[in-house]
Amino acid sequence: MGKKRALCCISVDIDAVAGWLGSYGGEDKRPSETPANPGHPPLRGTSDISRGLFAGTIGVRRLLKMFD
């Protein structure tokens, strides 16, 4: 019998900014933001978007380094 080998494919989907833009129909709101407790604004500001940009740029570099 010949030598057996296994192949593996690892895939990563990067949607770093999408969650901070509210593209999931409001599912990305803070847990305390409810009709009964409207004191917290939704995640839509520039600082919220910058978190996604950081995750996309730094996170992707870290993943590429790990997969190398």
N, C-alpha and C. Protein backbone atom coordinates (compact mmCIF):
# COMPACT_ATOMS: atom_id res chain seq x y z
N MET A 1 0.83 -1.19 0.00
CA MET A 1 0.00 0.00 0.00
C MET A 1 0.87 1.25 0.00
N GLY A 2 0.39 2.23 -0.72
CA GLY A 2 1.12 3.49 -0.79
C GLY A 2 0.93 4.34 0.46
N LYS A 3 1.79 5.30 0.58
CA LYS A 3 1.72 6.21 1.72
C LYS A 3 0.49 7.12 1.59
N LYS A 4 -0.28 7.25 2.65
CA LYS A 4 -1.47 8.09 2.63
C LYS A 4 -1.11 9.50 3.08
N ARG A 5 -1.85 10.47 2.55
CA ARG A 5 -1.66 11.85 2.99
C ARG A 5 -3.01 12.54 3.06
N ALA A 6 -3.08 13.50 3.90
CA ALA A 6 -4.32 14.26 4.09
C ALA A 6 -4.07 15.72 3.72
N LEU A 7 -5.05 16.32 3.07
CA LEU A 7 -4.98 17.73 2.72
C LEU A 7 -5.98 18.50 3.56
N CYS A 8 -5.61 19.70 3.91
CA CYS A 8 -6.48 20.53 4.75
C CYS A 8 -6.48 21.95 4.19
N CYS A 9 -7.64 22.56 4.14
CA CYS A 9 -7.76 23.95 3.70
C CYS A 9 -8.34 24.77 4.84
N ILE A 10 -7.64 25.82 5.23
CA ILE A 10 -8.12 26.71 6.28
C ILE A 10 -8.47 28.04 5.62
N SER A 11 -9.67 28.50 5.85
CA SER A 11 -10.15 29.73 5.22
C SER A 11 -10.57 30.73 6.30
N VAL A 12 -10.37 31.99 6.02
CA VAL A 12 -10.73 33.06 6.96
C VAL A 12 -11.57 34.09 6.21
N ASP A 13 -12.67 34.51 6.80
CA ASP A 13 -13.52 35.55 6.23
C ASP A 13 -13.40 36.79 7.12
N ILE A 14 -12.95 37.88 6.54
CA ILE A 14 -12.73 39.11 7.31
C ILE A 14 -13.85 40.11 7.01
N ASP A 15 -14.71 40.32 7.97
CA ASP A 15 -15.75 41.35 7.90
C ASP A 15 -15.54 42.32 9.06
N ALA A 16 -14.35 42.86 9.14
CA ALA A 16 -13.94 43.63 10.31
C ALA A 16 -14.79 44.87 10.55
N VAL A 17 -15.17 45.59 9.50
CA VAL A 17 -15.89 46.84 9.68
C VAL A 17 -17.40 46.63 9.62
N ALA A 18 -17.87 45.58 8.96
CA ALA A 18 -19.30 45.39 8.74
C ALA A 18 -20.12 45.40 10.02
N GLY A 19 -19.64 44.74 11.05
CA GLY A 19 -20.39 44.69 12.30
C GLY A 19 -20.52 46.03 12.98
N TRP A 20 -19.53 46.89 12.78
CA TRP A 20 -19.57 48.21 13.41
C TRP A 20 -20.41 49.19 12.62
N LEU A 21 -20.74 48.87 11.37
CA LEU A 21 -21.56 49.76 10.54
C LEU A 21 -23.04 49.50 10.73
N GLY A 22 -23.41 48.47 11.46
CA GLY A 22 -24.82 48.17 11.67
C GLY A 22 -25.44 47.43 10.50
N SER A 23 -24.64 46.68 9.76
CA SER A 23 -25.16 45.99 8.59
C SER A 23 -25.87 44.69 8.93
N TYR A 24 -25.97 44.38 10.21
CA TYR A 24 -26.64 43.15 10.61
C TYR A 24 -28.02 43.42 11.18
N GLY A 25 -28.67 44.48 10.77
CA GLY A 25 -30.03 44.76 11.22
C GLY A 25 -30.13 45.12 12.69
N GLY A 26 -29.11 45.74 13.24
CA GLY A 26 -29.18 46.18 14.63
C GLY A 26 -28.72 45.14 15.64
N GLU A 27 -28.28 43.98 15.18
CA GLU A 27 -27.85 42.94 16.11
C GLU A 27 -26.56 43.30 16.83
N ASP A 28 -25.86 44.29 16.32
CA ASP A 28 -24.57 44.64 16.91
C ASP A 28 -24.68 45.77 17.92
N LYS A 29 -25.86 46.05 18.43
CA LYS A 29 -26.04 47.10 19.42
C LYS A 29 -25.55 46.63 20.78
N ARG A 30 -25.26 47.60 21.63
CA ARG A 30 -24.85 47.26 22.98
C ARG A 30 -25.99 46.52 23.69
N PRO A 31 -25.68 45.54 24.51
CA PRO A 31 -26.73 44.78 25.21
C PRO A 31 -27.65 45.65 26.05
N SER A 32 -27.14 46.76 26.60
CA SER A 32 -27.98 47.59 27.46
C SER A 32 -28.87 48.53 26.65
N GLU A 33 -28.71 48.56 25.33
CA GLU A 33 -29.53 49.45 24.50
C GLU A 33 -30.85 48.76 24.16
N THR A 34 -31.86 49.05 24.90
CA THR A 34 -33.19 48.48 24.69
C THR A 34 -34.21 49.61 24.72
N PRO A 35 -35.44 49.37 24.26
CA PRO A 35 -36.46 50.41 24.35
C PRO A 35 -36.68 50.89 25.78
N ALA A 36 -36.50 50.00 26.75
CA ALA A 36 -36.68 50.38 28.16
C ALA A 36 -35.49 51.18 28.69
N ASN A 37 -34.33 51.05 28.06
CA ASN A 37 -33.12 51.74 28.51
C ASN A 37 -32.43 52.37 27.30
N PRO A 38 -32.99 53.47 26.76
CA PRO A 38 -32.44 54.06 25.54
C PRO A 38 -31.25 54.98 25.77
N GLY A 39 -30.64 54.96 26.93
CA GLY A 39 -29.56 55.88 27.26
C GLY A 39 -28.27 55.65 26.51
N HIS A 40 -28.10 54.50 25.88
CA HIS A 40 -26.85 54.20 25.19
C HIS A 40 -27.06 54.32 23.68
N PRO A 41 -26.22 55.12 23.01
CA PRO A 41 -26.37 55.26 21.55
C PRO A 41 -25.92 53.99 20.83
N PRO A 42 -26.43 53.75 19.62
CA PRO A 42 -25.98 52.58 18.86
C PRO A 42 -24.52 52.74 18.44
N LEU A 43 -23.90 51.65 18.07
CA LEU A 43 -22.50 51.67 17.65
C LEU A 43 -22.41 52.16 16.21
N ARG A 44 -22.23 53.44 16.00
CA ARG A 44 -22.19 53.98 14.65
C ARG A 44 -21.13 55.07 14.47
N GLY A 45 -20.43 55.46 15.51
CA GLY A 45 -19.50 56.58 15.43
C GLY A 45 -18.18 56.20 14.78
N THR A 46 -17.34 57.22 14.57
CA THR A 46 -16.05 56.98 13.95
C THR A 46 -15.14 56.12 14.82
N SER A 47 -15.25 56.25 16.14
CA SER A 47 -14.41 55.41 17.00
C SER A 47 -14.82 53.95 16.89
N ASP A 48 -16.13 53.69 16.70
CA ASP A 48 -16.59 52.31 16.53
C ASP A 48 -16.08 51.73 15.21
N ILE A 49 -16.11 52.54 14.15
CA ILE A 49 -15.61 52.07 12.86
C ILE A 49 -14.10 51.85 12.93
N SER A 50 -13.37 52.69 13.67
CA SER A 50 -11.92 52.52 13.77
C SER A 50 -11.57 51.20 14.44
N ARG A 51 -12.43 50.70 15.32
CA ARG A 51 -12.18 49.38 15.92
C ARG A 51 -12.19 48.30 14.85
N GLY A 52 -13.13 48.40 13.93
CA GLY A 52 -13.19 47.44 12.83
C GLY A 52 -11.99 47.56 11.91
N LEU A 53 -11.55 48.78 11.64
CA LEU A 53 -10.38 48.98 10.79
C LEU A 53 -9.13 48.41 11.45
N PHE A 54 -8.99 48.61 12.75
CA PHE A 54 -7.86 48.05 13.49
C PHE A 54 -7.89 46.53 13.39
N ALA A 55 -9.06 45.95 13.60
CA ALA A 55 -9.18 44.49 13.53
C ALA A 55 -8.81 43.98 12.15
N GLY A 56 -9.22 44.71 11.12
CA GLY A 56 -8.93 44.28 9.75
C GLY A 56 -7.46 44.39 9.39
N THR A 57 -6.83 45.47 9.78
CA THR A 57 -5.42 45.65 9.40
C THR A 57 -4.48 44.85 10.29
N ILE A 58 -4.61 44.99 11.58
CA ILE A 58 -3.73 44.29 12.51
C ILE A 58 -4.07 42.81 12.56
N GLY A 59 -5.36 42.50 12.62
CA GLY A 59 -5.79 41.10 12.70
C GLY A 59 -5.37 40.29 11.49
N VAL A 60 -5.51 40.87 10.30
CA VAL A 60 -5.12 40.15 9.08
C VAL A 60 -3.62 39.89 9.07
N ARG A 61 -2.85 40.88 9.47
CA ARG A 61 -1.39 40.67 9.53
C ARG A 61 -1.03 39.54 10.50
N ARG A 62 -1.71 39.52 11.63
CA ARG A 62 -1.43 38.47 12.61
C ARG A 62 -1.82 37.10 12.08
N LEU A 63 -2.95 37.02 11.38
CA LEU A 63 -3.36 35.74 10.79
C LEU A 63 -2.37 35.28 9.73
N LEU A 64 -1.94 36.19 8.86
CA LEU A 64 -0.98 35.82 7.82
C LEU A 64 0.33 35.33 8.43
N LYS A 65 0.78 36.00 9.48
CA LYS A 65 2.01 35.57 10.16
C LYS A 65 1.83 34.18 10.77
N MET A 66 0.65 33.94 11.35
CA MET A 66 0.39 32.64 11.97
C MET A 66 0.33 31.52 10.92
N PHE A 67 -0.28 31.82 9.76
CA PHE A 67 -0.42 30.80 8.72
C PHE A 67 0.88 30.56 7.95
N ASP A 68 1.84 31.47 8.07
CA ASP A 68 3.08 31.36 7.30
C ASP A 68 3.94 30.21 7.78
